Amino acid sequence: MQRSYVMAGAVLATALATPAQADVVIGPRVSYYFDNSNLRTSDLDGLRDALQVIDADLTGQLREASGFDDLTVEVQDNGSASNSDQVGFAMVGGMVNFGGDRDRFTVTAMYGSGEAGTELVSSRNVTLSVADVQFTELSIIQTVTAEEVDRLDLELTWQRRVSENFAISAGARYERLAVTGAGTLVIQQNDEVRQFVADVLGEDAPTRNIDALGRPDRIATERSLETFSGRAGVTAFVPFSAHAVAFFNGMVHASHQPASTFETRFLGFDEETLRVEERRDAAETSIGPDFAVGAQFILTDSIALDIRYRAIMFFPLSGDFDFGDSRVNHGVNLGVSLRL
């Protein structure tokens, strides 16, 4: 029974083992996690009041070129709708657990990748007014993107044994998502305002985004997201046989995601970059629970098997998303621990 406690505690980093029995434990880890970041929508204009503004720059140019002082160009964004796939990550990595019979430390590193598809549809009206005459242009913009996401997780956890079935814990966590995408952009619109602007400025009307072969604009996107977290909580565990221990780990985290840049490149026939647009996303601070349930099974005196389900929820306190529009990471983790 004591050896079962030793190995199960080492895997959990609950320090049930004595220094002589388990100074260092190492082992590989595999997991499959889901991330619902692509499903959050409270930052989209379509879920807020429609935005109606004067295009001051274009209005000024047209007034100067036409001589009409009462000319205005007004833009109204009617909102956006998004349809995305939840990202699933197959991840591999390892852990190192070390310390004494009371305080134990665990370092874990995991890396993996996943894929997701996103479709974004938005619309806007552009109204050009001169005296009592108006020209109205309606645009429907559809963006379809296939994304590849690389994920890196690094985590340091400290746990202190309080009793035979209870431990307190604290730690830090770093997550990085590197997202690259490729897709198409289709704009459907009438030409009244564009043609008027071209006539006044003495220019050719802008061409649509469909080439001679009927292909829409091709785009490439890129962004990188980082999350830094501090967390603290408790671990409870109960042996349910001579060679198995069930556990529950519950923590509360506070996390910060720095501001990031979303870059979109518009590509030509030969994949050359025609232009680049950048969007700056605000930093996000969040809080939430981080919990795991699972069991450890002692296979030999030096080998244990660990299986667990873990879920982390991020409720935004600041940034582009509402508090109720949470980000959730959850999935299963399987590991083998080797006592050195």
C-alpha atoms as a PDB file:
ATOM      1  CA  MET A   1       0.000   0.000   0.000  1.00  0.00           C
ATOM      2  CA  GLN A   2       2.835   2.429   0.822  1.00  0.00           C
ATOM      3  CA  ARG A   3       4.417   1.854  -2.607  1.00  0.00           C
ATOM      4  CA  SER A   4       1.065   2.618  -4.248  1.00  0.00           C
ATOM      5  CA  TYR A   5       0.958   5.923  -2.407  1.00  0.00           C
ATOM      6  CA  VAL A   6       4.515   6.648  -3.474  1.00  0.00           C
ATOM      7  CA  MET A   7       3.975   6.251  -7.202  1.00  0.00           C
ATOM      8  CA  ALA A   8       0.505   7.800  -7.345  1.00  0.00           C
ATOM      9  CA  GLY A   9       1.681  10.754  -5.336  1.00  0.00           C
ATOM     10  CA  ALA A  10       4.686  11.266  -7.568  1.00  0.00           C
ATOM     11  CA  VAL A  11       2.540  11.358 -10.667  1.00  0.00           C
ATOM     12  CA  LEU A  12       0.216  13.848  -8.976  1.00  0.00           C
ATOM     13  CA  ALA A  13       3.123  15.795  -7.495  1.00  0.00           C
ATOM     14  CA  THR A  14       1.445  15.434  -4.117  1.00  0.00           C
ATOM     15  CA  ALA A  15       4.643  14.271  -2.482  1.00  0.00           C
ATOM     16  CA  LEU A  16       3.407  11.129  -0.836  1.00  0.00           C
ATOM     17  CA  ALA A  17       6.775   9.464  -1.372  1.00  0.00           C
ATOM     18  CA  THR A  18       9.818   9.738   0.815  1.00  0.00           C
ATOM     19  CA  PRO A  19      12.981  11.348  -0.620  1.00  0.00           C
ATOM     20  CA  ALA A  20      14.697   7.979  -0.785  1.00  0.00           C
ATOM     21  CA  GLN A  21      11.861   6.424  -2.776  1.00  0.00           C
ATOM     22  CA  ALA A  22      11.040   9.089  -5.339  1.00  0.00           C
ATOM     23  CA  ASP A  23      13.428  12.008  -5.592  1.00  0.00           C
ATOM     24  CA  VAL A  24      12.835  12.341  -9.358  1.00  0.00           C
ATOM     25  CA  VAL A  25      10.018  11.074 -11.565  1.00  0.00           C
ATOM     26  CA  ILE A  26       9.951  11.572 -15.326  1.00  0.00           C
ATOM     27  CA  GLY A  27       7.608  10.471 -18.064  1.00  0.00           C
ATOM     28  CA  PRO A  28       6.051  11.086 -21.499  1.00  0.00           C
ATOM     29  CA  ARG A  29       2.607  12.655 -21.898  1.00  0.00           C
ATOM     30  CA  VAL A  30       0.063  12.586 -24.727  1.00  0.00           C
ATOM     31  CA  SER A  31      -3.211  14.493 -24.808  1.00  0.00           C
ATOM     32  CA  TYR A  32      -6.053  15.627 -27.008  1.00  0.00           C
ATOM     33  CA  TYR A  33      -7.489  19.046 -26.172  1.00  0.00           C
ATOM     34  CA  PHE A  34     -10.256  21.196 -27.596  1.00  0.00           C
ATOM     35  CA  ASP A  35     -10.141  25.009 -27.747  1.00  0.00           C
ATOM     36  CA  ASN A  36     -13.312  27.010 -28.479  1.00  0.00           C
ATOM     37  CA  SER A  37     -11.548  30.332 -29.209  1.00  0.00           C
ATOM     38  CA  ASN A  38     -12.921  30.345 -32.763  1.00  0.00           C
ATOM     39  CA  LEU A  39     -16.485  30.049 -31.481  1.00  0.00           C
ATOM     40  CA  ARG A  40     -16.530  33.269 -29.441  1.00  0.00           C
ATOM     41  CA  THR A  41     -18.521  35.991 -31.197  1.00  0.00           C
ATOM     42  CA  SER A  42     -19.196  38.855 -28.788  1.00  0.00           C
ATOM     43  CA  ASP A  43     -16.482  40.948 -30.479  1.00  0.00           C
ATOM     44  CA  LEU A  44     -18.331  40.937 -33.810  1.00  0.00           C
ATOM     45  CA  ASP A  45     -20.112  44.093 -34.927  1.00  0.00           C
ATOM     46  CA  GLY A  46     -23.165  42.003 -35.794  1.00  0.00           C
ATOM     47  CA  LEU A  47     -23.873  41.495 -32.107  1.00  0.00           C
ATOM     48  CA  ARG A  48     -23.579  45.216 -31.316  1.00  0.00           C
ATOM     49  CA  ASP A  49     -25.372  48.334 -32.476  1.00  0.00           C
ATOM     50  CA  ALA A  50     -24.827  49.137 -36.147  1.00  0.00           C
ATOM     51  CA  LEU A  51     -22.034  51.679 -36.594  1.00  0.00           C
ATOM     52  CA  GLN A  52     -22.718  54.676 -38.821  1.00  0.00           C
ATOM     53  CA  VAL A  53     -19.913  57.172 -39.459  1.00  0.00           C
ATOM     54  CA  ILE A  54     -18.868  59.854 -41.926  1.00  0.00           C
ATOM     55  CA  ASP A  55     -15.875  58.979 -44.093  1.00  0.00           C
ATOM     56  CA  ALA A  56     -14.123  62.296 -43.507  1.00  0.00           C
ATOM     57  CA  ASP A  57     -11.161  61.690 -45.822  1.00  0.00           C
ATOM     58  CA  LEU A  58     -13.226  60.670 -48.856  1.00  0.00           C
ATOM     59  CA  THR A  59     -15.791  63.374 -48.156  1.00  0.00           C
ATOM     60  CA  GLY A  60     -13.048  66.008 -48.136  1.00  0.00           C
ATOM     61  CA  GLN A  61     -11.520  64.759 -51.386  1.00  0.00           C
ATOM     62  CA  LEU A  62     -14.858  64.747 -53.198  1.00  0.00           C
ATOM     63  CA  ARG A  63     -15.876  68.181 -51.932  1.00  0.00           C
ATOM     64  CA  GLU A  64     -12.609  69.640 -53.164  1.00  0.00           C
ATOM     65  CA  ALA A  65     -12.812  67.879 -56.546  1.00  0.00           C
ATOM     66  CA  SER A  66     -16.527  68.520 -57.207  1.00  0.00           C
ATOM     67  CA  GLY A  67     -17.049  71.894 -55.566  1.00  0.00           C
ATOM     68  CA  PHE A  68     -20.143  70.642 -53.692  1.00  0.00           C
ATOM     69  CA  ASP A  69     -19.790  71.755 -50.059  1.00  0.00           C
ATOM     70  CA  ASP A  70     -22.810  69.731 -48.920  1.00  0.00           C
ATOM     71  CA  LEU A  71     -21.483  66.418 -50.233  1.00  0.00           C
ATOM     72  CA  THR A  72     -21.048  63.671 -47.620  1.00  0.00           C
ATOM     73  CA  VAL A  73     -20.061  60.001 -47.679  1.00  0.00           C
ATOM     74  CA  GLU A  74     -21.584  57.953 -44.870  1.00  0.00           C
ATOM     75  CA  VAL A  75     -20.615  54.358 -44.022  1.00  0.00           C
ATOM     76  CA  GLN A  76     -22.865  52.060 -41.987  1.00  0.00           C
ATOM     77  CA  ASP A  77     -21.596  48.678 -40.850  1.00  0.00           C
ATOM     78  CA  ASN A  78     -24.530  46.291 -40.571  1.00  0.00           C
ATOM     79  CA  GLY A  79     -22.593  43.694 -38.633  1.00  0.00           C
ATOM     80  CA  SER A  80     -20.984  40.303 -39.100  1.00  0.00           C
ATOM     81  CA  ALA A  81     -21.788  36.637 -38.617  1.00  0.00           C
ATOM     82  CA  SER A  82     -19.217  33.927 -38.026  1.00  0.00           C
ATOM     83  CA  ASN A  83     -19.254  30.148 -38.428  1.00  0.00           C
ATOM     84  CA  SER A  84     -16.204  28.253 -37.156  1.00  0.00           C
ATOM     85  CA  ASP A  85     -14.979  24.834 -36.129  1.00  0.00           C
ATOM     86  CA  GLN A  86     -13.692  24.152 -32.633  1.00  0.00           C
ATOM     87  CA  VAL A  87      -9.952  23.459 -32.756  1.00  0.00           C
ATOM     88  CA  GLY A  88      -8.770  20.024 -31.643  1.00  0.00           C
ATOM     89  CA  PHE A  89      -5.120  19.579 -30.666  1.00  0.00           C
ATOM     90  CA  ALA A  90      -3.221  16.285 -30.607  1.00  0.00           C
ATOM     91  CA  MET A  91      -0.308  17.033 -28.253  1.00  0.00           C
ATOM     92  CA  VAL A  92       2.816  15.235 -27.049  1.00  0.00           C
ATOM     93  CA  GLY A  93       5.343  16.141 -24.376  1.00  0.00           C
ATOM     94  CA  GLY A  94       6.710  15.143 -21.024  1.00  0.00           C
ATOM     95  CA  MET A  95       7.034  15.998 -17.344  1.00  0.00           C
ATOM     96  CA  VAL A  96       9.675  16.048 -14.629  1.00  0.00           C
ATOM     97  CA  ASN A  97       8.660  15.808 -10.945  1.00  0.00           C
ATOM     98  CA  PHE A  98      11.150  16.339  -8.141  1.00  0.00           C
ATOM     99  CA  GLY A  99      11.398  17.329  -4.467  1.00  0.00           C
ATOM    100  CA  GLY A 100      11.124  15.903  -0.971  1.00  0.00           C
ATOM    101  CA  ASP A 101       8.452  14.157   1.064  1.00  0.00           C
ATOM    102  CA  ARG A 102       6.524  17.398   1.687  1.00  0.00           C
ATOM    103  CA  ASP A 103       7.166  19.801  -1.195  1.00  0.00           C
ATOM    104  CA  ARG A 104       7.206  18.612  -4.797  1.00  0.00           C
ATOM    105  CA  PHE A 105       7.653  20.497  -8.092  1.00  0.00           C
ATOM    106  CA  THR A 106       6.434  19.432 -11.535  1.00  0.00           C
ATOM    107  CA  VAL A 107       7.549  20.881 -14.871  1.00  0.00           C
ATOM    108  CA  THR A 108       5.436  19.936 -17.905  1.00  0.00           C
ATOM    109  CA  ALA A 109       5.904  20.803 -21.595  1.00  0.00           C
ATOM    110  CA  MET A 110       3.438  19.909 -24.359  1.00  0.00           C
ATOM    111  CA  TYR A 111       3.354  20.695 -28.083  1.00  0.00           C
ATOM    112  CA  GLY A 112       0.769  19.957 -30.754  1.00  0.00           C
ATOM    113  CA  SER A 113      -1.173  21.253 -33.736  1.00  0.00           C
ATOM    114  CA  GLY A 114      -4.729  21.409 -35.032  1.00  0.00           C
ATOM    115  CA  GLU A 115      -6.868  22.697 -37.880  1.00  0.00           C
ATOM    116  CA  ALA A 116     -10.020  24.790 -38.103  1.00  0.00           C
ATOM    117  CA  GLY A 117     -12.214  26.408 -40.718  1.00  0.00           C
ATOM    118  CA  THR A 118     -13.779  29.866 -40.382  1.00  0.00           C
ATOM    119  CA  GLU A 119     -16.414  31.642 -42.469  1.00  0.00           C
ATOM    120  CA  LEU A 120     -17.112  35.327 -41.824  1.00  0.00           C
ATOM    121  CA  VAL A 121     -19.903  37.211 -43.580  1.00  0.00           C
ATOM    122  CA  SER A 122     -20.365  40.952 -43.098  1.00  0.00           C
ATOM    123  CA  SER A 123     -22.250  43.743 -44.833  1.00  0.00           C
ATOM    124  CA  ARG A 124     -22.184  47.518 -45.027  1.00  0.00           C
ATOM    125  CA  ASN A 125     -23.935  50.397 -46.739  1.00  0.00           C
ATOM    126  CA  VAL A 126     -22.136  53.384 -48.253  1.00  0.00           C
ATOM    127  CA  THR A 127     -24.378  56.403 -48.913  1.00  0.00           C
ATOM    128  CA  LEU A 128     -23.164  59.408 -50.884  1.00  0.00           C
ATOM    129  CA  SER A 129     -25.398  62.502 -50.538  1.00  0.00           C
ATOM    130  CA  VAL A 130     -25.287  65.654 -52.633  1.00  0.00           C
ATOM    131  CA  ALA A 131     -28.065  68.148 -51.815  1.00  0.00           C
ATOM    132  CA  ASP A 132     -31.238  66.024 -52.045  1.00  0.00           C
ATOM    133  CA  VAL A 133     -29.701  63.316 -54.254  1.00  0.00           C
ATOM    134  CA  GLN A 134     -28.378  60.077 -52.783  1.00  0.00           C
ATOM    135  CA  PHE A 135     -26.352  57.170 -54.141  1.00  0.00           C
ATOM    136  CA  THR A 136     -26.389  53.971 -52.066  1.00  0.00           C
ATOM    137  CA  GLU A 137     -23.993  51.054 -52.360  1.00  0.00           C
ATOM    138  CA  LEU A 138     -24.520  47.745 -50.541  1.00  0.00           C
ATOM    139  CA  SER A 139     -21.588  45.373 -50.002  1.00  0.00           C
ATOM    140  CA  ILE A 140     -21.691  41.734 -48.857  1.00  0.00           C
ATOM    141  CA  ILE A 141     -18.249  40.478 -47.860  1.00  0.00           C
ATOM    142  CA  GLN A 142     -17.569  36.751 -47.412  1.00  0.00           C
ATOM    143  CA  THR A 143     -14.263  35.457 -46.076  1.00  0.00           C
ATOM    144  CA  VAL A 144     -13.562  31.702 -45.924  1.00  0.00           C
ATOM    145  CA  THR A 145     -10.318  30.634 -44.250  1.00  0.00           C
ATOM    146  CA  ALA A 146      -8.685  27.301 -43.399  1.00  0.00           C
ATOM    147  CA  GLU A 147      -6.354  27.721 -40.417  1.00  0.00           C
ATOM    148  CA  GLU A 148      -3.498  25.674 -38.992  1.00  0.00           C
ATOM    149  CA  VAL A 149      -2.799  26.209 -35.300  1.00  0.00           C
ATOM    150  CA  ASP A 150       0.421  25.231 -33.488  1.00  0.00           C
ATOM    151  CA  ARG A 151       0.158  25.135 -29.704  1.00  0.00           C
ATOM    152  CA  LEU A 152       2.837  25.171 -26.975  1.00  0.00           C
ATOM    153  CA  ASP A 153       2.036  24.697 -23.258  1.00  0.00           C
ATOM    154  CA  LEU A 154       4.586  25.106 -20.467  1.00  0.00           C
ATOM    155  CA  GLU A 155       3.626  24.664 -16.827  1.00  0.00           C
ATOM    156  CA  LEU A 156       5.325  24.747 -13.403  1.00  0.00           C
ATOM    157  CA  THR A 157       3.418  23.454 -10.367  1.00  0.00           C
ATOM    158  CA  TRP A 158       4.356  23.371  -6.668  1.00  0.00           C
ATOM    159  CA  GLN A 159       2.439  21.097  -4.297  1.00  0.00           C
ATOM    160  CA  ARG A 160       2.725  20.719  -0.544  1.00  0.00           C
ATOM    161  CA  ARG A 161       1.348  17.717   1.329  1.00  0.00           C
ATOM    162  CA  VAL A 162      -0.977  18.712   4.157  1.00  0.00           C
ATOM    163  CA  SER A 163      -2.319  15.261   5.050  1.00  0.00           C
ATOM    164  CA  GLU A 164      -2.399  11.752   3.645  1.00  0.00           C
ATOM    165  CA  ASN A 165      -5.306  12.694   1.357  1.00  0.00           C
ATOM    166  CA  PHE A 166      -4.916  16.417   0.801  1.00  0.00           C
ATOM    167  CA  ALA A 167      -2.395  18.880  -0.695  1.00  0.00           C
ATOM    168  CA  ILE A 168      -2.288  22.565  -1.604  1.00  0.00           C
ATOM    169  CA  SER A 169      -0.809  23.732  -4.904  1.00  0.00           C
ATOM    170  CA  ALA A 170       0.196  26.806  -6.878  1.00  0.00           C
ATOM    171  CA  GLY A 171       1.951  27.437 -10.154  1.00  0.00           C
ATOM    172  CA  ALA A 172       2.392  29.303 -13.412  1.00  0.00           C
ATOM    173  CA  ARG A 173       1.425  28.437 -16.977  1.00  0.00           C
ATOM    174  CA  TYR A 174       2.357  29.747 -20.429  1.00  0.00           C
ATOM    175  CA  GLU A 175       0.395  29.054 -23.626  1.00  0.00           C
ATOM    176  CA  ARG A 176       1.249  30.089 -27.174  1.00  0.00           C
ATOM    177  CA  LEU A 177      -0.927  29.708 -30.275  1.00  0.00           C
ATOM    178  CA  ALA A 178       0.646  30.366 -33.687  1.00  0.00           C
ATOM    179  CA  VAL A 179      -2.149  30.604 -36.294  1.00  0.00           C
ATOM    180  CA  THR A 180      -1.667  30.688 -40.064  1.00  0.00           C
ATOM    181  CA  GLY A 181      -4.505  30.654 -42.550  1.00  0.00           C
ATOM    182  CA  ALA A 182      -5.229  30.585 -46.269  1.00  0.00           C
ATOM    183  CA  GLY A 183      -8.538  31.427 -47.856  1.00  0.00           C
ATOM    184  CA  THR A 184     -10.649  33.472 -50.230  1.00  0.00           C
ATOM    185  CA  LEU A 185     -12.398  36.817 -50.061  1.00  0.00           C
ATOM    186  CA  VAL A 186     -15.542  37.515 -52.126  1.00  0.00           C
ATOM    187  CA  ILE A 187     -17.190  40.962 -52.240  1.00  0.00           C
ATOM    188  CA  GLN A 188     -20.581  41.404 -53.857  1.00  0.00           C
ATOM    189  CA  GLN A 189     -21.771  44.989 -54.322  1.00  0.00           C
ATOM    190  CA  ASN A 190     -23.413  47.419 -56.668  1.00  0.00           C
ATOM    191  CA  ASP A 191     -21.310  50.177 -58.231  1.00  0.00           C
ATOM    192  CA  GLU A 192     -23.218  53.442 -57.811  1.00  0.00           C
ATOM    193  CA  VAL A 193     -20.970  55.103 -55.251  1.00  0.00           C
ATOM    194  CA  ARG A 194     -17.723  53.695 -56.674  1.00  0.00           C
ATOM    195  CA  GLN A 195     -18.606  54.903 -60.156  1.00  0.00           C
ATOM    196  CA  PHE A 196     -19.555  58.393 -58.911  1.00  0.00           C
ATOM    197  CA  VAL A 197     -16.297  58.665 -56.960  1.00  0.00           C
ATOM    198  CA  ALA A 198     -14.293  57.570 -60.004  1.00  0.00           C
ATOM    199  CA  ASP A 199     -16.049  60.123 -62.244  1.00  0.00           C
ATOM    200  CA  VAL A 200     -15.491  62.996 -59.804  1.00  0.00           C
ATOM    201  CA  LEU A 201     -11.852  62.156 -59.180  1.00  0.00           C
ATOM    202  CA  GLY A 202     -11.138  61.395 -62.851  1.00  0.00           C
ATOM    203  CA  GLU A 203     -10.113  57.804 -62.139  1.00  0.00           C
ATOM    204  CA  ASP A 204     -11.116  54.383 -63.371  1.00  0.00           C
ATOM    205  CA  ALA A 205     -13.671  52.638 -61.183  1.00  0.00           C
ATOM    206  CA  PRO A 206     -12.048  49.996 -58.956  1.00  0.00           C
ATOM    207  CA  THR A 207     -12.365  46.482 -60.327  1.00  0.00           C
ATOM    208  CA  ARG A 208     -14.191  43.772 -58.483  1.00  0.00           C
ATOM    209  CA  ASN A 209     -12.253  41.145 -56.598  1.00  0.00           C
ATOM    210  CA  ILE A 210     -12.896  38.414 -59.199  1.00  0.00           C
ATOM    211  CA  ASP A 211     -10.147  37.874 -61.762  1.00  0.00           C
ATOM    212  CA  ALA A 212     -10.518  36.959 -65.445  1.00  0.00           C
ATOM    213  CA  LEU A 213     -10.721  33.264 -64.581  1.00  0.00           C
ATOM    214  CA  GLY A 214     -13.525  33.796 -62.105  1.00  0.00           C
ATOM    215  CA  ARG A 215     -11.352  33.343 -59.010  1.00  0.00           C
ATOM    216  CA  PRO A 216     -11.917  35.485 -55.908  1.00  0.00           C
ATOM    217  CA  ASP A 217      -9.157  37.274 -54.042  1.00  0.00           C
ATOM    218  CA  ARG A 218      -6.838  34.913 -52.221  1.00  0.00           C
ATOM    219  CA  ILE A 219      -5.685  35.847 -48.762  1.00  0.00           C
ATOM    220  CA  ALA A 220      -3.155  34.619 -46.218  1.00  0.00           C
ATOM    221  CA  THR A 221      -3.519  35.368 -42.507  1.00  0.00           C
ATOM    222  CA  GLU A 222      -1.149  35.183 -39.566  1.00  0.00           C
ATOM    223  CA  ARG A 223      -1.328  35.873 -35.841  1.00  0.00           C
ATOM    224  CA  SER A 224       0.225  34.762 -32.566  1.00  0.00           C
ATOM    225  CA  LEU A 225      -1.539  34.629 -29.175  1.00  0.00           C
ATOM    226  CA  GLU A 226       0.171  34.232 -25.799  1.00  0.00           C
ATOM    227  CA  THR A 227      -1.396  33.630 -22.388  1.00  0.00           C
ATOM    228  CA  PHE A 228       0.354  33.971 -19.020  1.00  0.00           C
ATOM    229  CA  SER A 229      -1.399  32.456 -15.983  1.00  0.00           C
ATOM    230  CA  GLY A 230      -0.930  32.204 -12.244  1.00  0.00           C
ATOM    231  CA  ARG A 231      -3.001  29.650 -10.335  1.00  0.00           C
ATOM    232  CA  ALA A 232      -3.574  28.183  -6.869  1.00  0.00           C
ATOM    233  CA  GLY A 233      -5.785  25.471  -5.421  1.00  0.00           C
ATOM    234  CA  VAL A 234      -6.037  22.104  -3.703  1.00  0.00           C
ATOM    235  CA  THR A 235      -5.722  18.392  -4.528  1.00  0.00           C
ATOM    236  CA  ALA A 236      -7.678  15.581  -2.920  1.00  0.00           C
ATOM    237  CA  PHE A 237      -7.007  11.894  -3.554  1.00  0.00           C
ATOM    238  CA  VAL A 238      -8.400   8.577  -2.378  1.00  0.00           C
ATOM    239  CA  PRO A 239      -6.845   5.117  -2.919  1.00  0.00           C
ATOM    240  CA  PHE A 240      -9.519   2.742  -4.237  1.00  0.00           C
ATOM    241  CA  SER A 241      -7.309  -0.359  -4.413  1.00  0.00           C
ATOM    242  CA  ALA A 242      -3.831  -1.441  -3.412  1.00  0.00           C
ATOM    243  CA  HIS A 243      -2.516  -0.194  -6.762  1.00  0.00           C
ATOM    244  CA  ALA A 244      -4.789   2.695  -7.780  1.00  0.00           C
ATOM    245  CA  VAL A 245      -5.574   6.217  -6.551  1.00  0.00           C
ATOM    246  CA  ALA A 246      -8.383   8.520  -7.706  1.00  0.00           C
ATOM    247  CA  PHE A 247      -7.848  12.279  -7.478  1.00  0.00           C
ATOM    248  CA  PHE A 248      -9.464  15.658  -7.937  1.00  0.00           C
ATOM    249  CA  ASN A 249      -7.441  18.824  -8.516  1.00  0.00           C
ATOM    250  CA  GLY A 250      -9.227  22.189  -8.352  1.00  0.00           C
ATOM    251  CA  MET A 251      -7.565  25.571  -8.868  1.00  0.00           C
ATOM    252  CA  VAL A 252      -8.467  29.170  -9.653  1.00  0.00           C
ATOM    253  CA  HIS A 253      -6.391  31.059 -12.213  1.00  0.00           C
ATOM    254  CA  ALA A 254      -5.812  34.671 -13.211  1.00  0.00           C
ATOM    255  CA  SER A 255      -4.557  35.045 -16.785  1.00  0.00           C
ATOM    256  CA  HIS A 256      -3.412  37.769 -19.149  1.00  0.00           C
ATOM    257  CA  GLN A 257      -3.260  37.685 -22.941  1.00  0.00           C
ATOM    258  CA  PRO A 258      -1.247  40.628 -24.347  1.00  0.00           C
ATOM    259  CA  ALA A 259      -2.523  42.648 -27.297  1.00  0.00           C
ATOM    260  CA  SER A 260      -1.892  40.940 -30.634  1.00  0.00           C
ATOM    261  CA  THR A 261      -1.816  41.760 -34.348  1.00  0.00           C
ATOM    262  CA  PHE A 262      -3.937  39.956 -36.943  1.00  0.00           C
ATOM    263  CA  GLU A 263      -2.250  40.294 -40.346  1.00  0.00           C
ATOM    264  CA  THR A 264      -4.014  39.694 -43.667  1.00  0.00           C
ATOM    265  CA  ARG A 265      -2.074  39.562 -46.947  1.00  0.00           C
ATOM    266  CA  PHE A 266      -3.898  39.832 -50.274  1.00  0.00           C
ATOM    267  CA  LEU A 267      -2.256  37.657 -52.928  1.00  0.00           C
ATOM    268  CA  GLY A 268      -1.955  38.016 -56.698  1.00  0.00           C
ATOM    269  CA  PHE A 269      -1.948  35.425 -59.485  1.00  0.00           C
ATOM    270  CA  ASP A 270       1.604  34.285 -58.664  1.00  0.00           C
ATOM    271  CA  GLU A 271       1.054  34.376 -54.900  1.00  0.00           C
ATOM    272  CA  GLU A 272       2.817  37.733 -54.692  1.00  0.00           C
ATOM    273  CA  THR A 273       1.626  40.046 -51.913  1.00  0.00           C
ATOM    274  CA  LEU A 274      -0.489  42.870 -53.342  1.00  0.00           C
ATOM    275  CA  ARG A 275      -1.208  44.612 -50.043  1.00  0.00           C
ATOM    276  CA  VAL A 276      -1.185  43.975 -46.311  1.00  0.00           C
ATOM    277  CA  GLU A 277      -3.820  44.904 -43.734  1.00  0.00           C
ATOM    278  CA  GLU A 278      -3.335  44.688 -39.971  1.00  0.00           C
ATOM    279  CA  ARG A 279      -5.909  44.567 -37.175  1.00  0.00           C
ATOM    280  CA  ARG A 280      -4.903  45.200 -33.575  1.00  0.00           C
ATOM    281  CA  ASP A 281      -6.761  43.068 -31.017  1.00  0.00           C
ATOM    282  CA  ALA A 282      -6.926  44.357 -27.448  1.00  0.00           C
ATOM    283  CA  ALA A 283      -5.247  42.647 -24.494  1.00  0.00           C
ATOM    284  CA  GLU A 284      -7.451  40.389 -22.384  1.00  0.00           C
ATOM    285  CA  THR A 285      -7.376  39.713 -18.647  1.00  0.00           C
ATOM    286  CA  SER A 286      -9.439  36.773 -17.414  1.00  0.00           C
ATOM    287  CA  ILE A 287     -10.171  34.565 -14.421  1.00  0.00           C
ATOM    288  CA  GLY A 288     -11.729  31.129 -14.039  1.00  0.00           C
ATOM    289  CA  PRO A 289     -11.500  27.583 -12.740  1.00  0.00           C
ATOM    290  CA  ASP A 290      -8.914  24.977 -13.697  1.00  0.00           C
ATOM    291  CA  PHE A 291      -9.842  21.474 -12.607  1.00  0.00           C
ATOM    292  CA  ALA A 292      -8.838  17.899 -13.347  1.00  0.00           C
ATOM    293  CA  VAL A 293     -10.199  14.481 -12.358  1.00  0.00           C
ATOM    294  CA  GLY A 294      -8.536  11.164 -12.952  1.00  0.00           C
ATOM    295  CA  ALA A 295      -6.685   8.194 -11.553  1.00  0.00           C
ATOM    296  CA  GLN A 296      -3.209   6.684 -11.289  1.00  0.00           C
ATOM    297  CA  PHE A 297      -2.531   2.975 -11.603  1.00  0.00           C
ATOM    298  CA  ILE A 298       0.644   1.411 -10.202  1.00  0.00           C
ATOM    299  CA  LEU A 299       2.011  -1.053 -12.769  1.00  0.00           C
ATOM    300  CA  THR A 300       5.360  -1.907 -11.126  1.00  0.00           C
ATOM    301  CA  ASP A 301       7.530  -0.522  -8.340  1.00  0.00           C
ATOM    302  CA  SER A 302       8.921   2.048 -10.795  1.00  0.00           C
ATOM    303  CA  ILE A 303       6.147   2.594 -13.357  1.00  0.00           C
ATOM    304  CA  ALA A 304       2.708   4.204 -13.023  1.00  0.00           C
ATOM    305  CA  LEU A 305      -0.027   5.063 -15.533  1.00  0.00           C
ATOM    306  CA  ASP A 306      -1.867   8.397 -15.244  1.00  0.00           C
ATOM    307  CA  ILE A 307      -5.163   9.246 -17.001  1.00  0.00           C
ATOM    308  CA  ARG A 308      -7.116  12.440 -16.417  1.00  0.00           C
ATOM    309  CA  TYR A 309      -9.668  14.858 -17.824  1.00  0.00           C
ATOM    310  CA  ARG A 310      -8.824  18.570 -17.482  1.00  0.00           C
ATOM    311  CA  ALA A 311     -10.832  21.716 -18.214  1.00  0.00           C
ATOM    312  CA  ILE A 312      -9.762  25.375 -18.009  1.00  0.00           C
ATOM    313  CA  MET A 313     -12.280  28.228 -18.409  1.00  0.00           C
ATOM    314  CA  PHE A 314     -11.320  31.840 -19.130  1.00  0.00           C
ATOM    315  CA  PHE A 315     -13.949  34.489 -18.250  1.00  0.00           C
ATOM    316  CA  PRO A 316     -12.811  37.871 -19.691  1.00  0.00           C
ATOM    317  CA  LEU A 317     -12.590  40.854 -17.352  1.00  0.00           C
ATOM    318  CA  SER A 318     -11.229  43.173 -20.057  1.00  0.00           C
ATOM    319  CA  GLY A 319     -10.627  43.153 -23.788  1.00  0.00           C
ATOM    320  CA  ASP A 320     -12.815  42.618 -26.859  1.00  0.00           C
ATOM    321  CA  PHE A 321     -15.061  39.878 -25.434  1.00  0.00           C
ATOM    322  CA  ASP A 322     -17.897  39.895 -22.910  1.00  0.00           C
ATOM    323  CA  PHE A 323     -17.541  38.195 -19.519  1.00  0.00           C
ATOM    324  CA  GLY A 324     -20.048  35.500 -20.481  1.00  0.00           C
ATOM    325  CA  ASP A 325     -18.290  34.764 -23.783  1.00  0.00           C
ATOM    326  CA  SER A 326     -15.726  32.476 -22.157  1.00  0.00           C
ATOM    327  CA  ARG A 327     -12.860  30.565 -23.722  1.00  0.00           C
ATOM    328  CA  VAL A 328     -12.709  26.895 -22.749  1.00  0.00           C
ATOM    329  CA  ASN A 329      -9.843  24.407 -23.094  1.00  0.00           C
ATOM    330  CA  HIS A 330     -10.651  20.809 -22.193  1.00  0.00           C
ATOM    331  CA  GLY A 331      -9.559  17.303 -23.013  1.00  0.00           C
ATOM    332  CA  VAL A 332      -7.944  14.079 -21.870  1.00  0.00           C
ATOM    333  CA  ASN A 333      -4.354  13.418 -20.889  1.00  0.00           C
ATOM    334  CA  LEU A 334      -2.509  10.095 -20.672  1.00  0.00           C
ATOM    335  CA  GLY A 335       0.957   9.677 -19.169  1.00  0.00           C
ATOM    336  CA  VAL A 336       3.470   7.126 -17.974  1.00  0.00           C
ATOM    337  CA  SER A 337       5.655   7.978 -14.957  1.00  0.00           C
ATOM    338  CA  LEU A 338       9.059   6.417 -14.382  1.00  0.00           C
ATOM    339  CA  ARG A 339      10.628   6.619 -10.908  1.00  0.00           C
ATOM    340  CA  LEU A 340      14.426   7.076 -11.130  1.00  0.00           C
END
